Amino acid sequence: MRDSEWRKQLRGLISAKERTELLRVKMPETAVEERVKSQRVEVNIGLTVEQAQREAKRCMDCVNPTCMEGCPVSIDIPGFIKNIERGDFSEASLILRKTSALPAVCGRVCPQEKQCEAKCFYVQKLKKPSVAIGYLERFAADDELQSGKTSVPEKAKPNGIKVLAVGSGPSGLSFAGDMAKAGYDVTVFEALHEIGGVLKYGIPEFRLPNSIVDKEIKLLERVGVKFVKNFIVGQTQSVDELRKEGFKGFYVGSGAGLPRFMDIPGENFNGILSSNEYLTRVNLMGADSPEADTPVLRGKNVVVIGGGNTAMDSVRTAKRLGAEKAMIVYRRTEAQMPARVEEVQHAKEEGCEFLTLTNPVEYMSDEKGRVKQMKVQKMALGEPDAGGRRSAEPIVGSEYVIDTDLVIVAVGVSPNPIIPSTVAGLEVAKGGTIVVDEDTMQSSIPDVYAGGDIVRGGATVILAMGDGRRAAKRMNEKLMC
């Protein structure tokens, strides 16, 4: 049956009015008292078949689906959702994989509420909750992975041209998947001992299980992507040396792995860590285990500085590692936090505290040099900055002291400097990011493209994947000329 025919049949089974009267599904979750016991217990459980099909019925299958305008990788959103409604889950997954290399990942960690769901007909026209696009994406992808009957998208005939990606995070994986499907000989070089980049070291398993990332990577291997671990492009071998080995195109997705600190007195005391170090050691090195060779520091009174998803990941991790008090300190209001609303809600449910309009100004230590207190200052919202966001201004004389024995700093990251510093002629911006053409992701060097955090300085998983797709499209066009 042709696509148009079965979609017409679906529309006839339930009226548009009936669709709009259905309530948005709620994601089933692991009980709070259970999930806070372990770093490895996923919070969101996933939709049942009945829940997914009911939610799929809410989709209006718009003639001009505005939801797709909000998707950086251009997923056919109504197409995969309508297949869920009619029970063809494998076709739904296949539609997802045509444009997304990591649907089971994106269904869990992408900020759909700010992207595709924000453009949904329900939000734009009816002022109602959107179709749960992210939940349905996760459902279709998980159903495929759990069934073991994974489908590989069509692949072009091998063309013998070698290309590579630097870094195995979402941007590099997205680029590699598209180039492999286009027939290229693709290798991904990863500096660490595991494939996955920030998906492995930066996102806790209670949000994104490593097993899900591994399954997605195995599917990319089936498409033909090759992976090399413990290899630092720019140190193990230079880009020039790799050119001599026959690589014709380079995509730099090496991320932003350098932590930022606040440069305030006492910042070098023991017990003050970057969120990068804290999460990497727990997520990738098992440092949360008492038997670990290098166990991570633990604290009873843990303070996390920042208001993004990484801050939420850090404070929730601290709670799972036994903190009696785990607190977010953020200089703006909760409404201005860049973290997903869901992550903030989960953190509160798990007993994490929030101290907003507050900023650290100094640390104090005990006689052994371990942080014991933090002086903070109250803040007030001032005039909007260049981006329209109201600035946070200190209130003179409002300083006070809070107790803490472990501080996690999650105030941003800086780009990995290895590629920018080792590739002659590569144009680099003041902040260390690689300068690219925004439409093509091509750098100042014709065969070098880049995307994700190394270009943006900080990006969501799906934006980084969108960069990888654009770079793959342009590189393919250039190499096929």
Protein backbone atom coordinates (compact mmCIF):
# COMPACT_ATOMS: atom_id res chain seq x y z
CA MET A 1 0.00 0.00 0.00
CA ARG A 2 1.34 3.40 -0.95
CA ASP A 3 2.27 5.85 1.79
CA SER A 4 -0.49 8.30 0.89
CA GLU A 5 -3.15 5.56 1.01
CA TRP A 6 -2.45 4.24 4.50
CA ARG A 7 -2.04 7.76 5.86
CA LYS A 8 -5.49 8.63 4.52
CA GLN A 9 -6.85 5.51 6.22
CA LEU A 10 -5.29 6.59 9.53
CA ARG A 11 -6.90 10.01 9.26
CA GLY A 12 -10.27 8.36 8.69
CA LEU A 13 -10.03 6.25 11.84
CA ILE A 14 -10.07 9.27 14.16
CA SER A 15 -11.17 12.84 13.53
CA ALA A 16 -8.92 15.87 13.86
CA LYS A 17 -11.01 17.06 16.79
CA GLU A 18 -10.62 13.74 18.57
CA ARG A 19 -6.85 13.86 18.03
CA THR A 20 -6.60 17.30 19.63
CA GLU A 21 -8.61 16.15 22.66
CA LEU A 22 -6.12 13.40 23.54
CA LEU A 23 -3.84 14.31 26.45
CA ARG A 24 -0.07 14.21 26.03
CA VAL A 25 1.50 11.05 27.40
CA LYS A 26 3.58 11.12 30.59
CA MET A 27 6.93 9.37 30.58
CA PRO A 28 7.08 6.45 33.06
CA GLU A 29 9.95 6.88 35.51
CA THR A 30 11.89 4.79 37.99
CA ALA A 31 10.82 5.61 41.55
CA VAL A 32 13.01 8.25 43.19
CA GLU A 33 14.00 6.03 46.13
CA GLU A 34 15.29 3.40 43.69
CA ARG A 35 17.06 5.54 41.12
CA VAL A 36 19.11 7.58 43.61
CA LYS A 37 20.78 4.38 44.81
CA SER A 38 22.71 3.84 41.59
CA GLN A 39 24.47 5.76 38.86
CA ARG A 40 23.44 3.02 36.39
CA VAL A 41 19.64 3.02 36.84
CA GLU A 42 17.94 4.95 34.03
CA VAL A 43 15.35 7.46 35.25
CA ASN A 44 13.04 7.51 32.21
CA ILE A 45 11.79 3.99 31.51
CA GLY A 46 10.27 4.49 28.06
CA LEU A 47 6.76 4.30 26.66
CA THR A 48 4.76 1.11 26.36
CA VAL A 49 3.36 0.12 22.96
CA GLU A 50 -0.08 1.29 24.03
CA GLN A 51 1.24 4.66 25.24
CA ALA A 52 3.30 5.20 22.08
CA GLN A 53 0.47 4.44 19.69
CA ARG A 54 -1.95 6.60 21.64
CA GLU A 55 0.50 9.51 21.61
CA ALA A 56 1.16 8.99 17.90
CA LYS A 57 -2.55 9.51 17.29
CA ARG A 58 -2.17 13.09 18.48
CA CYS A 59 0.02 13.92 15.46
CA MET A 60 -2.04 15.89 12.93
CA ASP A 61 0.21 14.86 9.99
CA CYS A 62 0.31 18.49 8.89
CA VAL A 63 0.59 19.32 5.18
CA ASN A 64 3.48 21.64 6.05
CA PRO A 65 5.00 20.03 9.16
CA THR A 66 6.59 22.90 11.04
CA CYS A 67 8.05 20.44 13.57
CA MET A 68 10.64 19.47 10.95
CA GLU A 69 11.83 23.09 10.79
CA GLY A 70 13.04 22.69 14.37
CA CYS A 71 15.03 19.49 13.71
CA PRO A 72 18.75 20.11 12.96
CA VAL A 73 19.05 16.74 11.16
CA SER A 74 15.78 17.04 9.20
CA ILE A 75 14.01 13.90 10.44
CA ASP A 76 10.72 13.11 8.69
CA ILE A 77 8.85 13.51 11.97
CA PRO A 78 5.26 12.92 10.79
CA GLY A 79 6.48 9.95 8.72
CA PHE A 80 7.98 8.03 11.61
CA ILE A 81 5.15 8.96 13.99
CA LYS A 82 2.41 7.80 11.61
CA ASN A 83 4.19 4.46 11.27
CA ILE A 84 4.11 4.11 15.05
CA GLU A 85 0.38 4.83 14.99
CA ARG A 86 -0.27 2.05 12.49
CA GLY A 87 2.05 -0.38 14.32
CA ASP A 88 4.92 -0.55 11.83
CA PHE A 89 7.70 0.19 14.29
CA SER A 90 10.51 -1.11 12.08
CA GLU A 91 9.52 1.31 9.32
CA ALA A 92 9.39 4.13 11.87
CA SER A 93 12.95 3.31 12.92
CA LEU A 94 14.15 3.08 9.33
CA ILE A 95 12.77 6.55 8.63
CA LEU A 96 14.64 7.88 11.67
CA ARG A 97 17.91 6.29 10.58
CA LYS A 98 17.76 7.81 7.12
CA THR A 99 18.75 11.16 8.61
CA SER A 100 19.81 10.45 12.21
CA ALA A 101 22.81 8.34 13.15
CA LEU A 102 21.78 8.16 16.82
CA PRO A 103 17.98 8.11 17.29
CA ALA A 104 18.05 6.16 20.57
CA VAL A 105 20.48 8.75 21.93
CA CYS A 106 18.62 11.80 20.64
CA GLY A 107 15.32 10.48 21.96
CA ARG A 108 16.86 10.63 25.43
CA VAL A 109 19.03 13.74 25.58
CA CYS A 110 17.95 16.22 22.89
CA PRO A 111 16.11 19.37 24.01
CA GLN A 112 13.06 18.65 21.84
CA GLU A 113 11.04 21.15 23.86
CA LYS A 114 13.22 23.94 22.38
CA GLN A 115 13.45 22.50 18.86
CA CYS A 116 10.99 20.21 17.06
CA GLU A 117 8.33 20.22 19.77
CA ALA A 118 8.46 24.01 20.02
CA LYS A 119 7.43 24.11 16.34
CA CYS A 120 4.61 21.57 16.75
CA PHE A 121 1.12 22.49 15.51
CA TYR A 122 -0.25 22.08 19.03
CA VAL A 123 2.14 24.69 20.44
CA GLN A 124 2.02 27.07 17.48
CA LYS A 125 -1.74 27.02 16.79
CA LEU A 126 -3.60 25.51 19.75
CA LYS A 127 -1.34 26.62 22.64
CA LYS A 128 -1.44 23.06 23.97
CA PRO A 129 1.35 20.61 24.89
CA SER A 130 3.14 19.36 21.79
CA VAL A 131 3.20 15.82 20.50
CA ALA A 132 5.88 14.00 22.53
CA ILE A 133 8.24 13.71 19.57
CA GLY A 134 11.28 12.86 21.69
CA TYR A 135 9.50 10.10 23.59
CA LEU A 136 8.27 8.59 20.32
CA GLU A 137 11.73 8.78 18.75
CA ARG A 138 13.14 6.89 21.72
CA PHE A 139 10.33 4.34 21.52
CA ALA A 140 10.93 3.52 17.84
CA ALA A 141 14.71 3.36 18.21
CA ASP A 142 14.57 1.26 21.39
CA ASP A 143 12.06 -1.13 19.86
CA GLU A 144 14.48 -1.77 17.01
CA LEU A 145 17.52 -2.20 19.26
CA GLN A 146 15.69 -4.52 21.67
CA SER A 147 14.24 -6.66 18.89
CA GLY A 148 17.67 -7.42 17.48
CA LYS A 149 16.25 -6.90 13.99
CA THR A 150 18.07 -3.70 13.26
CA SER A 151 17.83 -2.36 9.73
CA VAL A 152 20.74 -0.72 7.96
CA PRO A 153 19.88 2.18 5.64
CA GLU A 154 20.73 1.80 1.97
CA LYS A 155 24.38 2.32 1.15
CA ALA A 156 25.92 3.52 -2.10
CA LYS A 157 28.50 1.45 -3.95
CA PRO A 158 32.00 1.86 -2.41
CA ASN A 159 33.96 4.59 -4.17
CA GLY A 160 37.36 3.86 -2.60
CA ILE A 161 37.85 7.41 -1.28
CA LYS A 162 39.23 7.61 2.25
CA VAL A 163 37.94 10.25 4.69
CA LEU A 164 38.19 10.58 8.44
CA ALA A 165 36.57 12.15 11.47
CA VAL A 166 38.52 13.45 14.45
CA GLY A 167 36.56 12.53 17.58
CA SER A 168 33.77 10.00 18.12
CA GLY A 169 31.24 12.31 19.71
CA PRO A 170 27.82 12.97 18.15
CA SER A 171 29.17 15.30 15.47
CA GLY A 172 31.87 12.91 14.26
CA LEU A 173 29.50 9.93 14.37
CA SER A 174 26.85 11.77 12.35
CA PHE A 175 29.41 12.78 9.72
CA ALA A 176 30.84 9.28 9.56
CA GLY A 177 27.44 7.64 9.18
CA ASP A 178 26.41 9.86 6.29
CA MET A 179 29.75 9.47 4.49
CA ALA A 180 29.68 5.69 4.90
CA LYS A 181 26.15 5.56 3.44
CA ALA A 182 27.46 7.63 0.52
CA GLY A 183 30.06 4.94 -0.24
CA TYR A 184 33.19 6.37 1.38
CA ASP A 185 35.90 4.51 3.30
CA VAL A 186 35.41 6.22 6.69
CA THR A 187 37.61 6.04 9.78
CA VAL A 188 36.87 7.74 13.09
CA PHE A 189 39.89 8.48 15.29
CA GLU A 190 39.18 8.74 19.03
CA ALA A 191 41.71 9.97 21.61
CA LEU A 192 40.18 8.03 24.52
CA HIS A 193 39.95 4.29 25.16
CA GLU A 194 36.21 4.11 24.40
CA ILE A 195 34.13 5.25 21.46
CA GLY A 196 31.35 7.76 22.04
CA GLY A 197 33.01 11.01 23.08
CA VAL A 198 30.82 13.21 25.28
CA LEU A 199 28.02 10.64 25.02
CA LYS A 200 30.17 8.35 27.16
CA TYR A 201 32.24 10.64 29.36
CA GLY A 202 29.88 13.58 29.78
CA ILE A 203 26.37 12.15 30.20
CA PRO A 204 25.59 9.90 33.19
CA GLU A 205 24.05 6.50 32.63
CA PHE A 206 20.93 7.46 34.55
CA ARG A 207 20.19 9.67 31.54
CA LEU A 208 21.93 7.77 28.74
CA PRO A 209 23.08 4.18 29.36
CA ASN A 210 26.43 3.30 27.79
CA SER A 211 24.82 0.15 26.41
CA ILE A 212 22.57 2.31 24.20
CA VAL A 213 25.56 4.24 22.86
CA ASP A 214 27.40 0.97 22.17
CA LYS A 215 24.45 -0.44 20.22
CA GLU A 216 24.23 2.69 18.08
CA ILE A 217 27.95 2.49 17.37
CA LYS A 218 27.65 -1.15 16.32
CA LEU A 219 25.02 -0.12 13.78
CA LEU A 220 27.45 2.45 12.37
CA GLU A 221 30.06 -0.31 12.10
CA ARG A 222 27.55 -2.34 10.08
CA VAL A 223 27.22 0.58 7.69
CA GLY A 224 30.99 0.45 7.28
CA VAL A 225 32.42 3.01 9.70
CA LYS A 226 35.79 2.01 11.17
CA PHE A 227 36.98 3.15 14.59
CA VAL A 228 40.50 3.65 15.95
CA LYS A 229 40.89 4.30 19.70
CA ASN A 230 43.77 5.86 21.67
CA PHE A 231 44.77 7.94 18.65
CA ILE A 232 45.25 11.70 18.92
CA VAL A 233 45.18 13.37 15.52
CA GLY A 234 47.78 16.11 15.72
CA GLN A 235 50.00 14.12 18.10
CA THR A 236 49.90 10.43 17.24
CA GLN A 237 49.99 11.49 13.61
CA SER A 238 49.59 14.89 12.01
CA VAL A 239 46.98 15.82 9.42
CA ASP A 240 49.78 16.05 6.83
CA GLU A 241 50.92 12.51 7.64
CA LEU A 242 47.36 11.24 7.31
CA ARG A 243 47.06 12.97 3.94
CA LYS A 244 50.09 10.97 2.80
CA GLU A 245 48.22 7.80 3.84
CA GLY A 246 45.54 8.65 1.31
CA PHE A 247 42.87 10.49 3.30
CA LYS A 248 41.13 13.04 1.06
CA GLY A 249 38.78 14.68 3.54
CA PHE A 250 38.97 15.58 7.24
CA TYR A 251 36.14 16.37 9.63
CA VAL A 252 37.14 17.82 13.00
CA GLY A 253 34.64 17.03 15.74
CA SER A 254 37.13 17.03 18.60
CA GLY A 255 34.84 18.89 20.95
CA ALA A 256 35.45 21.27 23.81
CA GLY A 257 37.08 19.26 26.54
CA LEU A 258 39.00 21.95 28.41
CA PRO A 259 37.23 23.01 31.61
CA ARG A 260 36.73 26.61 32.61
CA PHE A 261 37.09 27.92 36.14
CA MET A 262 36.05 31.23 37.67
CA ASP A 263 39.49 32.53 38.69
CA ILE A 264 38.50 33.34 42.27
CA PRO A 265 40.64 33.05 45.43
CA GLY A 266 41.15 29.51 46.73
CA GLU A 267 40.28 27.78 43.49
CA ASN A 268 43.30 25.46 43.76
CA PHE A 269 42.26 23.91 47.08
CA ASN A 270 41.69 20.16 47.19
CA GLY A 271 38.07 19.24 46.70
CA ILE A 272 37.41 21.67 43.85
CA LEU A 273 36.93 19.82 40.55
CA SER A 274 35.74 20.64 37.08
CA SER A 275 32.54 18.95 35.98
CA ASN A 276 34.56 17.46 33.08
CA GLU A 277 36.91 15.62 35.42
CA TYR A 278 34.16 14.61 37.84
CA LEU A 279 31.79 13.19 35.23
CA THR A 280 34.53 11.61 33.09
CA ARG A 281 35.98 9.74 36.03
CA VAL A 282 32.59 8.48 37.15
CA ASN A 283 31.02 7.78 33.74
CA LEU A 284 34.01 6.44 31.86
CA MET A 285 36.45 5.19 34.50
CA GLY A 286 34.12 3.70 37.11
CA ALA A 287 35.54 5.97 39.78
CA ASP A 288 32.27 5.82 41.70
CA SER A 289 33.16 2.28 42.76
CA PRO A 290 35.04 1.90 46.08
CA GLU A 291 37.23 -0.69 44.32
CA ALA A 292 38.31 1.77 41.61
CA ASP A 293 42.06 2.31 41.18
CA THR A 294 41.50 6.07 41.39
CA PRO A 295 38.18 6.62 43.20
CA VAL A 296 36.64 10.06 42.84
CA LEU A 297 36.43 12.44 45.79
CA ARG A 298 33.14 12.33 47.66
CA GLY A 299 31.58 14.91 49.92
CA LYS A 300 28.77 15.30 52.42
CA ASN A 301 28.04 18.91 51.44
CA VAL A 302 28.50 19.14 47.67
CA VAL A 303 28.08 22.39 45.77
CA VAL A 304 27.79 22.48 41.98
CA ILE A 305 28.29 25.85 40.31
CA GLY A 306 26.30 26.37 37.12
CA GLY A 307 22.83 26.01 35.65
CA GLY A 308 23.20 23.88 32.54
CA ASN A 309 22.60 20.20 31.88
CA THR A 310 26.17 19.41 32.93
CA ALA A 311 25.53 21.04 36.30
CA MET A 312 22.36 18.98 36.72
CA ASP A 313 24.25 15.82 35.78
CA SER A 314 26.93 16.66 38.33
CA VAL A 315 24.64 17.46 41.26
CA ARG A 316 22.51 14.36 40.62
CA THR A 317 25.68 12.24 40.42
CA ALA A 318 26.85 13.65 43.75
CA LYS A 319 23.51 12.67 45.30
CA ARG A 320 23.96 9.12 44.04
CA LEU A 321 27.46 9.03 45.49
CA GLY A 322 26.15 9.65 48.97
CA ALA A 323 26.07 13.42 49.43
CA GLU A 324 23.85 14.39 52.35
CA LYS A 325 23.39 17.79 50.78
CA ALA A 326 23.80 18.44 47.06
CA MET A 327 23.24 22.03 45.97
CA ILE A 328 23.18 24.04 42.74
CA VAL A 329 24.57 27.57 43.01
CA TYR A 330 23.59 29.69 40.02
CA ARG A 331 23.99 33.42 39.48
CA ARG A 332 20.72 33.92 37.62
CA THR A 333 17.15 32.77 38.27
CA GLU A 334 15.86 29.24 37.80
CA ALA A 335 13.80 30.43 34.83
CA GLN A 336 17.04 31.51 33.11
CA MET A 337 18.80 28.19 33.58
CA PRO A 338 19.86 26.68 30.25
CA ALA A 339 19.27 23.16 31.59
CA ARG A 340 16.29 21.20 30.34
CA VAL A 341 13.18 21.63 32.48
CA GLU A 342 12.99 17.84 32.85
CA GLU A 343 16.51 17.68 34.29
CA VAL A 344 15.79 20.43 36.81
CA GLN A 345 12.60 18.66 37.85
CA HIS A 346 14.38 15.34 38.28
CA ALA A 347 17.13 16.98 40.35
CA LYS A 348 14.55 18.48 42.69
CA GLU A 349 12.70 15.17 43.00
CA GLU A 350 15.98 13.54 44.02
CA GLY A 351 16.54 16.01 46.85
CA CYS A 352 18.97 18.43 45.24
CA GLU A 353 18.71 22.03 46.45
CA PHE A 354 18.84 25.21 44.35
CA LEU A 355 20.45 28.46 45.44
CA THR A 356 19.78 30.97 42.65
CA LEU A 357 20.78 34.60 42.17
CA THR A 358 23.96 33.65 44.04
CA ASN A 359 27.58 33.67 42.88
CA PRO A 360 30.81 32.29 44.47
CA VAL A 361 33.50 34.85 45.26
CA GLU A 362 36.03 32.93 47.40
CA TYR A 363 36.89 29.50 48.84
CA MET A 364 38.23 28.73 52.31
CA SER A 365 40.08 25.55 53.33
CA ASP A 366 40.86 23.51 56.42
CA GLU A 367 44.37 23.00 57.77
CA LYS A 368 44.99 20.21 55.23
CA GLY A 369 44.14 22.36 52.24
CA ARG A 370 40.71 20.79 51.58
CA VAL A 371 37.90 23.18 50.79
CA LYS A 372 35.54 23.62 53.75
CA GLN A 373 33.57 26.77 52.97
CA MET A 374 32.59 29.00 50.08
CA LYS A 375 31.85 32.71 50.30
CA VAL A 376 28.99 33.71 48.01
CA GLN A 377 27.36 36.95 47.01
CA LYS A 378 23.72 37.63 46.25
CA MET A 379 22.89 38.82 42.74
CA ALA A 380 20.14 40.88 41.12
CA LEU A 381 18.94 40.96 37.53
CA GLY A 382 20.07 44.00 35.62
CA GLU A 383 19.61 45.21 32.07
CA PRO A 384 19.44 42.70 29.18
CA ASP A 385 22.75 41.79 27.54
CA ALA A 386 23.42 41.76 23.78
CA GLY A 387 21.43 38.55 23.41
CA GLY A 388 18.43 39.88 25.31
CA ARG A 389 19.27 37.97 28.46
CA ARG A 390 19.14 40.02 31.65
CA SER A 391 22.57 40.27 33.22
CA ALA A 392 23.28 39.23 36.79
CA GLU A 393 24.77 42.01 38.90
CA PRO A 394 26.27 41.66 42.40
CA ILE A 395 24.55 43.21 45.40
CA VAL A 396 27.17 45.10 47.39
CA GLY A 397 27.55 43.91 50.98
CA SER A 398 25.45 40.76 50.52
CA GLU A 399 28.25 38.22 50.98
CA TYR A 400 27.84 35.24 53.29
CA VAL A 401 29.46 31.82 53.82
CA ILE A 402 28.14 28.31 53.16
CA ASP A 403 29.74 25.02 54.20
CA THR A 404 31.01 22.64 51.54
CA ASP A 405 33.58 19.86 51.33
CA LEU A 406 33.35 19.27 47.56
CA VAL A 407 32.80 21.80 44.78
CA ILE A 408 32.07 20.89 41.14
CA VAL A 409 32.54 23.77 38.70
CA ALA A 410 30.25 23.54 35.67
CA VAL A 411 30.49 27.00 34.11
CA GLY A 412 31.45 26.04 30.58
CA VAL A 413 34.24 24.54 28.52
CA SER A 414 36.85 25.65 26.00
CA PRO A 415 37.66 24.02 22.63
CA ASN A 416 40.24 21.25 22.38
CA PRO A 417 43.38 23.09 21.17
CA ILE A 418 45.28 20.21 19.53
CA ILE A 419 43.95 20.50 15.96
CA PRO A 420 43.82 24.32 15.94
CA SER A 421 47.43 24.46 17.14
CA THR A 422 48.89 21.78 14.84
CA VAL A 423 47.30 22.46 11.44
CA ALA A 424 49.16 25.23 9.64
CA GLY A 425 46.93 27.80 7.95
CA LEU A 426 43.78 26.86 9.86
CA GLU A 427 41.79 29.97 10.77
CA VAL A 428 40.93 30.03 14.46
CA ALA A 429 38.72 32.50 16.32
CA LYS A 430 39.81 34.36 19.45
CA GLY A 431 38.19 31.81 21.76
CA GLY A 432 40.01 28.91 20.12
CA THR A 433 37.15 27.69 17.94
CA ILE A 434 37.72 26.75 14.30
CA VAL A 435 36.26 29.26 11.84
CA VAL A 436 34.01 27.62 9.23
CA ASP A 437 31.46 28.58 6.62
CA GLU A 438 28.14 28.15 8.44
CA ASP A 439 26.40 26.61 5.43
CA THR A 440 29.09 24.09 4.47
CA MET A 441 31.15 23.68 7.69
CA GLN A 442 34.29 24.05 5.52
CA SER A 443 37.32 25.65 7.18
CA SER A 444 39.98 27.90 5.68
CA ILE A 445 41.72 24.73 4.48
CA PRO A 446 39.72 23.18 1.59
CA ASP A 447 39.88 19.54 2.72
CA VAL A 448 39.25 20.27 6.41
CA TYR A 449 35.71 20.65 7.77
CA ALA A 450 34.63 21.04 11.38
CA GLY A 451 31.54 21.13 13.59
CA GLY A 452 30.11 20.67 17.05
CA ASP A 453 31.78 22.19 20.10
CA ILE A 454 35.09 22.82 18.33
CA VAL A 455 33.17 25.34 16.20
CA ARG A 456 30.33 26.42 18.48
CA GLY A 457 32.21 26.38 21.78
CA GLY A 458 29.28 24.48 23.29
CA ALA A 459 26.43 22.72 21.50
CA THR A 460 23.65 20.24 22.07
CA VAL A 461 24.01 16.70 20.76
CA ILE A 462 21.54 17.30 17.93
CA LEU A 463 23.12 20.60 16.81
CA ALA A 464 26.50 18.88 16.68
CA MET A 465 24.95 16.09 14.61
CA GLY A 466 23.43 18.65 12.27
CA ASP A 467 26.92 20.11 11.71
CA GLY A 468 28.23 16.66 10.86
CA ARG A 469 25.46 16.09 8.32
CA ARG A 470 26.03 19.45 6.61
CA ALA A 471 29.77 18.81 6.42
CA ALA A 472 29.22 15.34 4.95
CA LYS A 473 26.88 16.72 2.28
CA ARG A 474 29.32 19.44 1.23
CA MET A 475 32.40 17.19 1.36
CA ASN A 476 30.65 14.60 -0.77
CA GLU A 477 29.75 17.27 -3.34
CA LYS A 478 33.35 18.50 -3.48
CA LEU A 479 34.93 15.04 -3.72
CA MET A 480 32.50 13.96 -6.43
CA CYS A 481 33.24 16.95 -8.66
